[in-house]
Each structure stands twice: as C-alpha cells, then as structure tokens.
Amino acid sequence: MRAAVYGRVSTGGQTTENQFVDLRAYIATRGWQAIEYVDTGVSGSKDRRPALDRLLADAKRRRFDVLVCWRLDRLGRNLKHLITLLDELQALGISFVSLNEGIDLGTPAGKLQFHILAALSEFERARIVERVRAGLARRAAQGKPLGRPRQTISDSDLARTTGLSTRKAAAILGLSHAAVHRARTVSKTPRIDLTDCA
C-alpha cells in the first residue's frame, strides 16, 4: 500500500514533527510506503493549500492508495470541505485514516462514522439556509431594505477625483469601483429643470 501522509500547522512558528512521529510509526506498523505532504503556516479553513493541492493532484494520478492524517482538523476545519474532499477520494478508490479519531474508511465502522459526518454536514447546511431565509423574511416584514446599503458619493468628492481612472478614484475615496462608476454615470445624466417647462 502507498500512503499519502498529510500534516499541517497554522503558523510558521509551529512544527508538524509531533504529528509525523505518530504518523510514521503507524505507517511503519502497517508496512506501507509513505509520501509526505506538509502545509506550514496555512489555516485549515482554507480549501486551497500548496501541499493539499499537490496531494489532490497526485490522488487523481493514483499515486497512493490511502490518505493518513493525524487528526481531522489537520486536514480541514470546514466540515463541508472535509466531506467533499473525502467523497472525492472515495470516488477515486482511495481510503482514508485519521489516527486520533480512529476513523478508517477501509472498515465498516469507519464508513459509518463518515456517513454520520456527512449527515451532520447536510443538516448544518439546511439549518443555515433556514436561518438566512427567516432573517430575510423578518427584514422584509419590517420594511427594511435587503442587501448592502448603496454607497453614495458627494459632488465634491466626484469633482475632486475628476480626471482619475475609476479604480484610482475608488481607492482614494475608499469605495468600490462599481460605486464610483455608478456615481459618475448618474452625474453625466442631464437634469431637466421643471421651472423652464411652466
């Protein structure tokens, strides 16, 4: 068996050595060959990480048969991302082992744990959607506007940034590019003085 061994620490001052002592011992007892992937100074909440990206590319090339990590939160802190990642590995025929949680997707008990995690993830997603919808309905019932408030620009700020690109003006005013563009478009629209029509 060829094993991909993944370790991660969140800051550059930390080390993965504690993780790899246990991981190497486990791999040795199983008699597996190991390829190590290490992300240093990268948050587990990020879906994209240099070593993890290489690991996934190697998984698609079938360079290993099992992924082993020290603990689930080393692989990722986002449950949705973890489930998606493990689903992807399962589809490629790659098993998964997490030492500290005792999860081994090569066993029936491990598969059960995985399905429980997937069910919890789906439940949490549904609850978030439910809360967002309830919040939007409450705001609408109270007559409050939905979405972000529009950014407004005074005439003096527009005049001050005349001649600058929209991007430069947005940077100086601390506003979005779209807000500056919208304000400039509105200011170019001719205004009709209704007193002249009387």
N, C-alpha and C. Protein backbone atom coordinates (compact mmCIF):
# COMPACT_ATOMS: atom_id res chain seq x y z
N MET A 1 0.85 -1.20 0.00
CA MET A 1 0.00 0.00 0.00
C MET A 1 0.88 1.24 0.00
N ARG A 2 0.46 2.22 -0.81
CA ARG A 2 1.15 3.51 -0.83
C ARG A 2 0.27 4.51 -0.07
N ALA A 3 0.86 5.16 0.91
CA ALA A 3 0.09 6.08 1.76
C ALA A 3 0.55 7.52 1.56
N ALA A 4 -0.43 8.42 1.40
CA ALA A 4 -0.15 9.85 1.44
C ALA A 4 -0.33 10.27 2.89
N VAL A 5 0.69 10.89 3.46
CA VAL A 5 0.63 11.31 4.86
C VAL A 5 0.59 12.83 4.87
N TYR A 6 -0.51 13.39 5.42
CA TYR A 6 -0.70 14.84 5.39
C TYR A 6 -0.58 15.44 6.79
N GLY A 7 0.22 16.51 6.90
CA GLY A 7 0.35 17.25 8.15
C GLY A 7 0.22 18.73 7.89
N ARG A 8 -0.28 19.47 8.89
CA ARG A 8 -0.46 20.91 8.73
C ARG A 8 -0.34 21.60 10.07
N VAL A 9 0.28 22.81 10.04
CA VAL A 9 0.25 23.71 11.20
C VAL A 9 -0.17 25.08 10.70
N SER A 10 -0.82 25.85 11.57
CA SER A 10 -1.40 27.14 11.17
C SER A 10 -0.39 28.27 11.08
N THR A 11 0.68 28.22 11.87
CA THR A 11 1.66 29.31 11.87
C THR A 11 3.05 28.78 11.59
N GLY A 12 3.90 29.66 11.07
CA GLY A 12 5.26 29.29 10.74
C GLY A 12 6.09 28.91 11.95
N GLY A 13 5.71 29.39 13.14
CA GLY A 13 6.44 29.09 14.37
C GLY A 13 6.17 27.71 14.92
N GLN A 14 5.12 27.04 14.41
CA GLN A 14 4.77 25.70 14.88
C GLN A 14 5.48 24.65 14.02
N THR A 15 5.48 23.42 14.50
CA THR A 15 6.10 22.33 13.74
C THR A 15 5.14 21.15 13.61
N THR A 16 5.28 20.41 12.53
CA THR A 16 4.45 19.22 12.32
C THR A 16 5.11 17.97 12.88
N GLU A 17 6.27 18.13 13.53
CA GLU A 17 7.05 16.97 13.98
C GLU A 17 6.26 16.05 14.90
N ASN A 18 5.48 16.62 15.84
CA ASN A 18 4.66 15.78 16.74
C ASN A 18 3.68 14.92 15.97
N GLN A 19 3.09 15.52 14.93
CA GLN A 19 2.14 14.78 14.11
C GLN A 19 2.84 13.62 13.39
N PHE A 20 4.02 13.93 12.82
CA PHE A 20 4.69 12.94 11.98
C PHE A 20 5.36 11.82 12.78
N VAL A 21 5.65 12.05 14.05
CA VAL A 21 6.17 10.95 14.89
C VAL A 21 5.13 9.84 14.94
N ASP A 22 3.88 10.22 15.24
CA ASP A 22 2.79 9.23 15.32
C ASP A 22 2.46 8.66 13.95
N LEU A 23 2.42 9.53 12.95
CA LEU A 23 2.05 9.09 11.60
C LEU A 23 3.06 8.09 11.04
N ARG A 24 4.35 8.40 11.21
CA ARG A 24 5.39 7.49 10.70
C ARG A 24 5.37 6.15 11.43
N ALA A 25 5.10 6.19 12.72
CA ALA A 25 5.02 4.94 13.50
C ALA A 25 3.85 4.07 12.99
N TYR A 26 2.71 4.72 12.72
CA TYR A 26 1.52 3.99 12.22
C TYR A 26 1.82 3.37 10.86
N ILE A 27 2.43 4.17 9.97
CA ILE A 27 2.75 3.70 8.61
C ILE A 27 3.72 2.51 8.69
N ALA A 28 4.72 2.62 9.59
CA ALA A 28 5.72 1.55 9.74
C ALA A 28 5.07 0.25 10.21
N THR A 29 4.12 0.35 11.18
CA THR A 29 3.47 -0.86 11.69
C THR A 29 2.61 -1.53 10.61
N ARG A 30 2.10 -0.73 9.68
CA ARG A 30 1.27 -1.29 8.60
C ARG A 30 2.12 -1.79 7.43
N GLY A 31 3.40 -1.38 7.41
CA GLY A 31 4.29 -1.80 6.32
C GLY A 31 4.00 -1.07 5.02
N TRP A 32 3.45 0.15 5.13
CA TRP A 32 3.12 0.93 3.93
C TRP A 32 4.30 1.79 3.50
N GLN A 33 4.31 2.17 2.24
CA GLN A 33 5.26 3.17 1.72
C GLN A 33 4.59 4.53 1.87
N ALA A 34 5.35 5.55 2.28
CA ALA A 34 4.75 6.86 2.56
C ALA A 34 5.28 7.97 1.65
N ILE A 35 4.35 8.85 1.25
CA ILE A 35 4.68 10.11 0.58
C ILE A 35 4.16 11.19 1.52
N GLU A 36 5.02 12.11 1.96
CA GLU A 36 4.60 13.12 2.94
C GLU A 36 4.27 14.45 2.27
N TYR A 37 3.18 15.05 2.76
CA TYR A 37 2.73 16.37 2.30
C TYR A 37 2.57 17.24 3.53
N VAL A 38 3.22 18.40 3.53
CA VAL A 38 3.21 19.27 4.71
C VAL A 38 2.83 20.71 4.32
N ASP A 39 1.82 21.26 4.97
CA ASP A 39 1.46 22.68 4.83
C ASP A 39 1.83 23.38 6.13
N THR A 40 2.71 24.38 6.04
CA THR A 40 3.15 25.13 7.21
C THR A 40 2.66 26.56 7.10
N GLY A 41 2.06 27.06 8.18
CA GLY A 41 1.57 28.45 8.21
C GLY A 41 0.35 28.66 7.34
N VAL A 42 -0.51 27.65 7.24
CA VAL A 42 -1.72 27.74 6.42
C VAL A 42 -2.92 27.35 7.27
N SER A 43 -3.94 28.18 7.27
CA SER A 43 -5.15 27.90 8.05
C SER A 43 -5.90 26.70 7.49
N GLY A 44 -6.48 25.91 8.38
CA GLY A 44 -7.28 24.76 7.98
C GLY A 44 -8.62 25.15 7.39
N SER A 45 -9.00 26.43 7.52
CA SER A 45 -10.27 26.87 6.94
C SER A 45 -10.16 27.14 5.45
N LYS A 46 -8.91 27.20 4.94
CA LYS A 46 -8.70 27.45 3.51
C LYS A 46 -8.81 26.14 2.73
N ASP A 47 -9.61 26.17 1.66
CA ASP A 47 -9.77 24.99 0.82
C ASP A 47 -8.53 24.74 -0.03
N ARG A 48 -7.85 25.84 -0.43
CA ARG A 48 -6.67 25.72 -1.29
C ARG A 48 -5.42 25.91 -0.45
N ARG A 49 -4.53 24.90 -0.49
CA ARG A 49 -3.26 24.95 0.21
C ARG A 49 -2.23 24.25 -0.66
N PRO A 50 -0.98 24.76 -0.71
CA PRO A 50 0.01 24.20 -1.63
C PRO A 50 0.18 22.67 -1.54
N ALA A 51 0.44 22.15 -0.34
CA ALA A 51 0.67 20.70 -0.21
C ALA A 51 -0.61 19.91 -0.44
N LEU A 52 -1.75 20.44 0.04
CA LEU A 52 -3.03 19.74 -0.17
C LEU A 52 -3.37 19.71 -1.65
N ASP A 53 -3.10 20.80 -2.37
CA ASP A 53 -3.36 20.83 -3.82
C ASP A 53 -2.51 19.78 -4.54
N ARG A 54 -1.22 19.65 -4.12
CA ARG A 54 -0.36 18.63 -4.72
C ARG A 54 -0.88 17.22 -4.41
N LEU A 55 -1.34 17.05 -3.16
CA LEU A 55 -1.88 15.76 -2.73
C LEU A 55 -3.08 15.37 -3.60
N LEU A 56 -3.99 16.31 -3.83
CA LEU A 56 -5.18 16.03 -4.64
C LEU A 56 -4.81 15.72 -6.09
N ALA A 57 -3.82 16.45 -6.62
CA ALA A 57 -3.36 16.18 -7.99
C ALA A 57 -2.77 14.76 -8.08
N ASP A 58 -2.01 14.37 -7.05
CA ASP A 58 -1.43 13.02 -7.02
C ASP A 58 -2.50 11.96 -6.84
N ALA A 59 -3.57 12.28 -6.09
CA ALA A 59 -4.68 11.34 -5.91
C ALA A 59 -5.33 11.04 -7.26
N LYS A 60 -5.51 12.08 -8.08
CA LYS A 60 -6.12 11.89 -9.40
C LYS A 60 -5.23 11.07 -10.32
N ARG A 61 -3.91 11.10 -10.06
CA ARG A 61 -2.96 10.29 -10.85
C ARG A 61 -2.75 8.91 -10.22
N ARG A 62 -3.51 8.62 -9.14
CA ARG A 62 -3.46 7.33 -8.43
C ARG A 62 -2.05 7.00 -7.94
N ARG A 63 -1.39 7.99 -7.33
CA ARG A 63 -0.04 7.79 -6.81
C ARG A 63 -0.03 7.23 -5.39
N PHE A 64 -1.21 7.12 -4.78
CA PHE A 64 -1.30 6.49 -3.45
C PHE A 64 -2.67 5.84 -3.30
N ASP A 65 -2.76 4.95 -2.29
CA ASP A 65 -3.98 4.16 -2.08
C ASP A 65 -4.78 4.59 -0.86
N VAL A 66 -4.10 5.27 0.07
CA VAL A 66 -4.77 5.69 1.32
C VAL A 66 -4.19 7.03 1.77
N LEU A 67 -5.04 7.88 2.31
CA LEU A 67 -4.60 9.15 2.90
C LEU A 67 -4.66 9.01 4.42
N VAL A 68 -3.56 9.35 5.07
CA VAL A 68 -3.49 9.24 6.53
C VAL A 68 -3.19 10.62 7.11
N CYS A 69 -3.98 11.05 8.10
CA CYS A 69 -3.68 12.31 8.79
C CYS A 69 -3.75 12.07 10.30
N TRP A 70 -3.16 12.99 11.04
CA TRP A 70 -3.06 12.86 12.49
C TRP A 70 -4.40 13.07 13.16
N ARG A 71 -5.12 14.10 12.68
CA ARG A 71 -6.43 14.43 13.23
C ARG A 71 -7.23 15.11 12.12
N LEU A 72 -8.55 15.00 12.14
CA LEU A 72 -9.39 15.59 11.09
C LEU A 72 -9.15 17.09 10.91
N ASP A 73 -8.96 17.83 12.03
CA ASP A 73 -8.80 19.28 11.91
C ASP A 73 -7.48 19.67 11.25
N ARG A 74 -6.54 18.71 11.10
CA ARG A 74 -5.31 18.98 10.35
C ARG A 74 -5.62 19.00 8.87
N LEU A 75 -6.56 18.17 8.45
CA LEU A 75 -6.96 18.11 7.04
C LEU A 75 -7.86 19.30 6.69
N GLY A 76 -8.69 19.72 7.64
CA GLY A 76 -9.55 20.87 7.39
C GLY A 76 -10.45 21.18 8.57
N ARG A 77 -10.79 22.45 8.75
CA ARG A 77 -11.67 22.86 9.86
C ARG A 77 -13.10 23.09 9.37
N ASN A 78 -13.29 23.06 8.08
CA ASN A 78 -14.60 23.27 7.49
C ASN A 78 -15.20 21.89 7.18
N LEU A 79 -16.29 21.53 7.87
CA LEU A 79 -16.87 20.20 7.72
C LEU A 79 -17.32 19.94 6.29
N LYS A 80 -17.89 20.96 5.65
CA LYS A 80 -18.36 20.81 4.26
C LYS A 80 -17.18 20.47 3.35
N HIS A 81 -16.05 21.18 3.52
CA HIS A 81 -14.87 20.91 2.71
C HIS A 81 -14.33 19.50 2.98
N LEU A 82 -14.31 19.10 4.24
CA LEU A 82 -13.84 17.76 4.60
C LEU A 82 -14.67 16.67 3.92
N ILE A 83 -15.99 16.82 4.00
CA ILE A 83 -16.88 15.82 3.40
C ILE A 83 -16.67 15.75 1.90
N THR A 84 -16.56 16.93 1.24
CA THR A 84 -16.34 16.97 -0.21
C THR A 84 -15.03 16.30 -0.57
N LEU A 85 -13.99 16.61 0.20
CA LEU A 85 -12.66 16.04 -0.04
C LEU A 85 -12.67 14.52 0.12
N LEU A 86 -13.27 14.04 1.20
CA LEU A 86 -13.32 12.60 1.43
C LEU A 86 -14.19 11.89 0.40
N ASP A 87 -15.27 12.54 -0.04
CA ASP A 87 -16.11 11.99 -1.11
C ASP A 87 -15.30 11.82 -2.40
N GLU A 88 -14.51 12.87 -2.70
CA GLU A 88 -13.68 12.85 -3.91
C GLU A 88 -12.67 11.70 -3.85
N LEU A 89 -12.04 11.50 -2.68
CA LEU A 89 -11.08 10.42 -2.51
C LEU A 89 -11.76 9.06 -2.64
N GLN A 90 -12.97 8.94 -2.04
CA GLN A 90 -13.73 7.68 -2.13
C GLN A 90 -14.03 7.34 -3.58
N ALA A 91 -14.41 8.36 -4.38
CA ALA A 91 -14.73 8.15 -5.79
C ALA A 91 -13.51 7.67 -6.58
N LEU A 92 -12.32 8.07 -6.11
CA LEU A 92 -11.07 7.66 -6.77
C LEU A 92 -10.58 6.31 -6.25
N GLY A 93 -11.31 5.74 -5.28
CA GLY A 93 -10.92 4.45 -4.72
C GLY A 93 -9.82 4.55 -3.68
N ILE A 94 -9.67 5.75 -3.11
CA ILE A 94 -8.63 5.99 -2.10
C ILE A 94 -9.27 5.98 -0.71
N SER A 95 -8.68 5.21 0.18
CA SER A 95 -9.21 5.11 1.54
C SER A 95 -8.67 6.26 2.39
N PHE A 96 -9.16 6.37 3.62
CA PHE A 96 -8.77 7.47 4.50
C PHE A 96 -8.67 6.98 5.93
N VAL A 97 -7.62 7.45 6.63
CA VAL A 97 -7.43 7.11 8.05
C VAL A 97 -7.11 8.39 8.81
N SER A 98 -7.82 8.62 9.93
CA SER A 98 -7.50 9.70 10.85
C SER A 98 -7.13 9.05 12.18
N LEU A 99 -5.86 9.20 12.57
CA LEU A 99 -5.36 8.47 13.75
C LEU A 99 -6.11 8.79 15.03
N ASN A 100 -6.20 10.07 15.39
CA ASN A 100 -6.75 10.45 16.69
C ASN A 100 -8.23 10.11 16.85
N GLU A 101 -8.99 10.25 15.75
CA GLU A 101 -10.43 9.94 15.84
C GLU A 101 -10.70 8.46 15.61
N GLY A 102 -9.69 7.71 15.19
CA GLY A 102 -9.88 6.28 14.94
C GLY A 102 -10.77 6.01 13.73
N ILE A 103 -10.78 6.94 12.77
CA ILE A 103 -11.59 6.76 11.56
C ILE A 103 -10.74 6.05 10.51
N ASP A 104 -11.27 4.93 10.00
CA ASP A 104 -10.61 4.19 8.93
C ASP A 104 -11.70 3.82 7.93
N LEU A 105 -11.71 4.52 6.79
CA LEU A 105 -12.77 4.27 5.80
C LEU A 105 -12.61 2.93 5.10
N GLY A 106 -11.56 2.20 5.44
CA GLY A 106 -11.39 0.85 4.91
C GLY A 106 -12.16 -0.18 5.72
N THR A 107 -12.82 0.28 6.81
CA THR A 107 -13.60 -0.64 7.66
C THR A 107 -15.07 -0.22 7.66
N PRO A 108 -15.99 -1.15 7.94
CA PRO A 108 -17.41 -0.81 8.02
C PRO A 108 -17.70 0.28 9.07
N ALA A 109 -17.02 0.20 10.24
CA ALA A 109 -17.23 1.20 11.31
C ALA A 109 -16.78 2.58 10.84
N GLY A 110 -15.67 2.63 10.12
CA GLY A 110 -15.16 3.90 9.60
C GLY A 110 -16.11 4.51 8.58
N LYS A 111 -16.69 3.65 7.74
CA LYS A 111 -17.66 4.13 6.75
C LYS A 111 -18.90 4.69 7.44
N LEU A 112 -19.31 4.03 8.52
CA LEU A 112 -20.46 4.52 9.29
C LEU A 112 -20.17 5.90 9.87
N GLN A 113 -18.97 6.08 10.46
CA GLN A 113 -18.59 7.38 11.00
C GLN A 113 -18.62 8.46 9.91
N PHE A 114 -18.12 8.11 8.72
CA PHE A 114 -18.11 9.03 7.60
C PHE A 114 -19.53 9.45 7.22
N HIS A 115 -20.44 8.48 7.16
CA HIS A 115 -21.84 8.79 6.79
C HIS A 115 -22.51 9.65 7.85
N ILE A 116 -22.16 9.44 9.12
CA ILE A 116 -22.71 10.28 10.19
C ILE A 116 -22.20 11.72 10.03
N LEU A 117 -20.90 11.86 9.73
CA LEU A 117 -20.34 13.21 9.50
C LEU A 117 -21.04 13.89 8.33
N ALA A 118 -21.26 13.14 7.24
CA ALA A 118 -21.91 13.69 6.05
C ALA A 118 -23.33 14.15 6.38
N ALA A 119 -24.05 13.34 7.17
CA ALA A 119 -25.42 13.69 7.57
C ALA A 119 -25.44 14.95 8.43
N LEU A 120 -24.47 15.07 9.36
CA LEU A 120 -24.38 16.27 10.20
C LEU A 120 -24.08 17.50 9.36
N SER A 121 -23.21 17.34 8.37
CA SER A 121 -22.86 18.44 7.49
C SER A 121 -24.08 18.92 6.70
N GLU A 122 -24.84 17.97 6.17
CA GLU A 122 -26.04 18.31 5.40
C GLU A 122 -27.07 19.00 6.30
N PHE A 123 -27.23 18.50 7.51
CA PHE A 123 -28.16 19.09 8.47
C PHE A 123 -27.77 20.54 8.78
N GLU A 124 -26.45 20.79 9.00
CA GLU A 124 -25.97 22.14 9.31
C GLU A 124 -26.20 23.09 8.14
N ARG A 125 -25.96 22.60 6.91
CA ARG A 125 -26.21 23.44 5.72
C ARG A 125 -27.68 23.84 5.65
N ALA A 126 -28.58 22.87 5.90
CA ALA A 126 -30.03 23.14 5.85
C ALA A 126 -30.42 24.15 6.93
N ARG A 127 -29.82 24.05 8.12
CA ARG A 127 -30.12 24.99 9.20
C ARG A 127 -29.67 26.40 8.85
N ILE A 128 -28.51 26.53 8.20
CA ILE A 128 -28.01 27.85 7.81
C ILE A 128 -28.96 28.48 6.80
N VAL A 129 -29.39 27.70 5.80
CA VAL A 129 -30.34 28.20 4.79
C VAL A 129 -31.63 28.65 5.47
N GLU A 130 -32.10 27.86 6.42
CA GLU A 130 -33.33 28.17 7.15
C GLU A 130 -33.20 29.49 7.92
N ARG A 131 -32.06 29.69 8.59
CA ARG A 131 -31.83 30.92 9.36
C ARG A 131 -31.75 32.14 8.45
N VAL A 132 -31.09 31.99 7.31
CA VAL A 132 -30.96 33.11 6.36
C VAL A 132 -32.33 33.51 5.83
N ARG A 133 -33.13 32.53 5.45
CA ARG A 133 -34.48 32.81 4.92
C ARG A 133 -35.35 33.50 5.97
N ALA A 134 -35.26 33.03 7.22
CA ALA A 134 -36.04 33.62 8.31
C ALA A 134 -35.61 35.07 8.53
N GLY A 135 -34.31 35.35 8.48
CA GLY A 135 -33.80 36.71 8.65
C GLY A 135 -34.25 37.63 7.53
N LEU A 136 -34.24 37.15 6.29
CA LEU A 136 -34.69 37.95 5.15
C LEU A 136 -36.19 38.24 5.25
N ALA A 137 -36.96 37.22 5.65
CA ALA A 137 -38.42 37.40 5.78
C ALA A 137 -38.72 38.43 6.88
N ARG A 138 -37.99 38.38 8.00
CA ARG A 138 -38.20 39.33 9.10
C ARG A 138 -37.90 40.76 8.65
N ARG A 139 -36.78 40.95 7.92
CA ARG A 139 -36.41 42.30 7.44
C ARG A 139 -37.45 42.83 6.46
N ALA A 140 -37.93 41.94 5.59
CA ALA A 140 -38.94 42.34 4.61
C ALA A 140 -40.24 42.74 5.31
N ALA A 141 -40.64 41.98 6.34
CA ALA A 141 -41.87 42.27 7.10
C ALA A 141 -41.75 43.60 7.84
N GLN A 142 -40.52 43.96 8.26
CA GLN A 142 -40.29 45.22 8.96
C GLN A 142 -40.10 46.39 8.00
N GLY A 143 -40.14 46.09 6.70
CA GLY A 143 -39.97 47.14 5.70
C GLY A 143 -38.53 47.62 5.55
N LYS A 144 -37.58 46.84 6.04
CA LYS A 144 -36.17 47.21 5.93
C LYS A 144 -35.62 46.73 4.60
N PRO A 145 -34.73 47.51 3.99
CA PRO A 145 -34.16 47.09 2.70
C PRO A 145 -33.28 45.85 2.87
N LEU A 146 -33.27 45.03 1.82
CA LEU A 146 -32.43 43.83 1.83
C LEU A 146 -31.12 44.13 1.11
N GLY A 147 -30.09 43.44 1.48
CA GLY A 147 -28.79 43.62 0.84
C GLY A 147 -28.00 44.74 1.49
N ARG A 148 -26.80 44.98 0.91
CA ARG A 148 -25.93 46.02 1.45
C ARG A 148 -26.45 47.40 1.08
N PRO A 149 -26.26 48.38 1.97
CA PRO A 149 -26.69 49.74 1.62
C PRO A 149 -25.82 50.29 0.48
N ARG A 150 -26.44 51.08 -0.39
CA ARG A 150 -25.70 51.67 -1.51
C ARG A 150 -24.72 52.71 -1.01
N GLN A 151 -23.56 52.71 -1.63
CA GLN A 151 -22.55 53.72 -1.29
C GLN A 151 -22.86 54.99 -2.08
N THR A 152 -22.86 56.11 -1.37
CA THR A 152 -23.12 57.39 -2.04
C THR A 152 -21.86 58.24 -2.04
N ILE A 153 -21.74 59.05 -3.08
CA ILE A 153 -20.57 59.91 -3.24
C ILE A 153 -21.05 61.34 -3.40
N SER A 154 -20.46 62.24 -2.63
CA SER A 154 -20.86 63.66 -2.73
C SER A 154 -20.32 64.26 -4.02
N ASP A 155 -20.94 65.37 -4.45
CA ASP A 155 -20.49 66.07 -5.67
C ASP A 155 -19.06 66.56 -5.51
N SER A 156 -18.71 66.99 -4.29
CA SER A 156 -17.35 67.50 -4.07
C SER A 156 -16.31 66.37 -4.21
N ASP A 157 -16.65 65.16 -3.75
CA ASP A 157 -15.74 64.02 -3.91
C ASP A 157 -15.61 63.64 -5.39
N LEU A 158 -16.72 63.73 -6.12
CA LEU A 158 -16.67 63.44 -7.55
C LEU A 158 -15.77 64.45 -8.26
N ALA A 159 -15.94 65.73 -7.92
CA ALA A 159 -15.14 66.79 -8.54
C ALA A 159 -13.66 66.61 -8.20
N ARG A 160 -13.39 66.22 -6.97
CA ARG A 160 -12.01 66.05 -6.50
C ARG A 160 -11.27 64.94 -7.26
N THR A 161 -12.02 63.95 -7.76
CA THR A 161 -11.39 62.82 -8.44
C THR A 161 -11.60 62.85 -9.95
N THR A 162 -12.08 63.97 -10.48
CA THR A 162 -12.25 64.11 -11.92
C THR A 162 -10.88 63.96 -12.59
N GLY A 163 -10.87 63.23 -13.71
CA GLY A 163 -9.62 63.04 -14.43
C GLY A 163 -8.87 61.78 -14.02
N LEU A 164 -9.22 61.22 -12.86
CA LEU A 164 -8.59 59.98 -12.42
C LEU A 164 -9.37 58.78 -12.98
N SER A 165 -8.70 57.66 -13.11
CA SER A 165 -9.41 56.46 -13.53
C SER A 165 -10.40 56.07 -12.42
N THR A 166 -11.38 55.29 -12.81
CA THR A 166 -12.40 54.87 -11.84
C THR A 166 -11.75 54.10 -10.69
N ARG A 167 -10.79 53.27 -11.00
CA ARG A 167 -10.12 52.46 -9.97
C ARG A 167 -9.33 53.34 -9.00
N LYS A 168 -8.60 54.34 -9.54
CA LYS A 168 -7.83 55.24 -8.67
C LYS A 168 -8.75 56.07 -7.80
N ALA A 169 -9.84 56.55 -8.40
CA ALA A 169 -10.81 57.35 -7.64
C ALA A 169 -11.42 56.50 -6.51
N ALA A 170 -11.74 55.24 -6.82
CA ALA A 170 -12.32 54.34 -5.81
C ALA A 170 -11.33 54.12 -4.66
N ALA A 171 -10.05 53.97 -4.99
CA ALA A 171 -9.03 53.75 -3.96
C ALA A 171 -8.88 54.98 -3.06
N ILE A 172 -8.90 56.17 -3.66
CA ILE A 172 -8.76 57.42 -2.89
C ILE A 172 -9.96 57.65 -1.99
N LEU A 173 -11.16 57.36 -2.52
CA LEU A 173 -12.39 57.61 -1.76
C LEU A 173 -12.73 56.46 -0.80
N GLY A 174 -12.03 55.34 -0.95
CA GLY A 174 -12.31 54.19 -0.08
C GLY A 174 -13.64 53.55 -0.40
N LEU A 175 -14.01 53.56 -1.67
CA LEU A 175 -15.28 52.99 -2.12
C LEU A 175 -15.02 51.92 -3.17
N SER A 176 -16.08 51.22 -3.54
CA SER A 176 -15.93 50.20 -4.57
C SER A 176 -15.85 50.84 -5.95
N HIS A 177 -15.24 50.13 -6.87
CA HIS A 177 -15.12 50.57 -8.26
C HIS A 177 -16.52 50.80 -8.85
N ALA A 178 -17.45 49.89 -8.55
CA ALA A 178 -18.82 49.98 -9.08
C ALA A 178 -19.54 51.23 -8.58
N ALA A 179 -19.32 51.58 -7.30
CA ALA A 179 -19.98 52.77 -6.73
C ALA A 179 -19.51 54.04 -7.42
N VAL A 180 -18.20 54.14 -7.69
CA VAL A 180 -17.66 55.32 -8.38
C VAL A 180 -18.19 55.38 -9.80
N HIS A 181 -18.19 54.25 -10.48
CA HIS A 181 -18.69 54.20 -11.87
C HIS A 181 -20.16 54.63 -11.92
N ARG A 182 -20.96 54.10 -10.98
CA ARG A 182 -22.39 54.44 -10.94
C ARG A 182 -22.58 55.93 -10.69
N ALA A 183 -21.82 56.50 -9.74
CA ALA A 183 -21.95 57.93 -9.41
C ALA A 183 -21.55 58.80 -10.59
N ARG A 184 -20.51 58.41 -11.30
CA ARG A 184 -20.08 59.19 -12.47
C ARG A 184 -21.11 59.12 -13.59
N THR A 185 -21.73 57.96 -13.77
CA THR A 185 -22.76 57.81 -14.80
C THR A 185 -23.97 58.69 -14.48
N VAL A 186 -24.38 58.68 -13.21
CA VAL A 186 -25.54 59.49 -12.79
C VAL A 186 -25.23 60.98 -12.95
N SER A 187 -24.01 61.40 -12.63
CA SER A 187 -23.66 62.82 -12.70
C SER A 187 -23.63 63.32 -14.14
N LYS A 188 -23.43 62.41 -15.11
CA LYS A 188 -23.41 62.81 -16.53
C LYS A 188 -24.80 62.90 -17.12
N THR A 189 -25.81 62.32 -16.43
CA THR A 189 -27.18 62.34 -16.92
C THR A 189 -27.72 63.76 -16.85
N PRO A 190 -28.19 64.32 -17.99
CA PRO A 190 -28.70 65.70 -17.96
C PRO A 190 -29.92 65.83 -17.06
N ARG A 191 -29.95 66.93 -16.28
CA ARG A 191 -31.09 67.16 -15.38
C ARG A 191 -32.01 68.19 -16.01
N ILE A 192 -33.31 67.91 -15.94
CA ILE A 192 -34.31 68.82 -16.54
C ILE A 192 -34.83 69.73 -15.45
N ASP A 193 -34.78 71.02 -15.69
CA ASP A 193 -35.33 71.99 -14.73
C ASP A 193 -36.79 72.18 -15.09
N LEU A 194 -37.70 71.71 -14.22
CA LEU A 194 -39.13 71.75 -14.49
C LEU A 194 -39.69 73.17 -14.49
N THR A 195 -38.96 74.12 -13.91
CA THR A 195 -39.47 75.50 -13.88
C THR A 195 -39.43 76.10 -15.30
N ASP A 196 -38.54 75.58 -16.15
CA ASP A 196 -38.46 76.07 -17.52
C ASP A 196 -39.65 75.62 -18.35
N CYS A 197 -40.31 74.55 -17.90
CA CYS A 197 -41.44 73.99 -18.67
C CYS A 197 -42.74 74.69 -18.32
N ALA A 198 -42.76 75.51 -17.29
CA ALA A 198 -44.01 76.12 -16.84
C ALA A 198 -44.44 77.23 -17.78
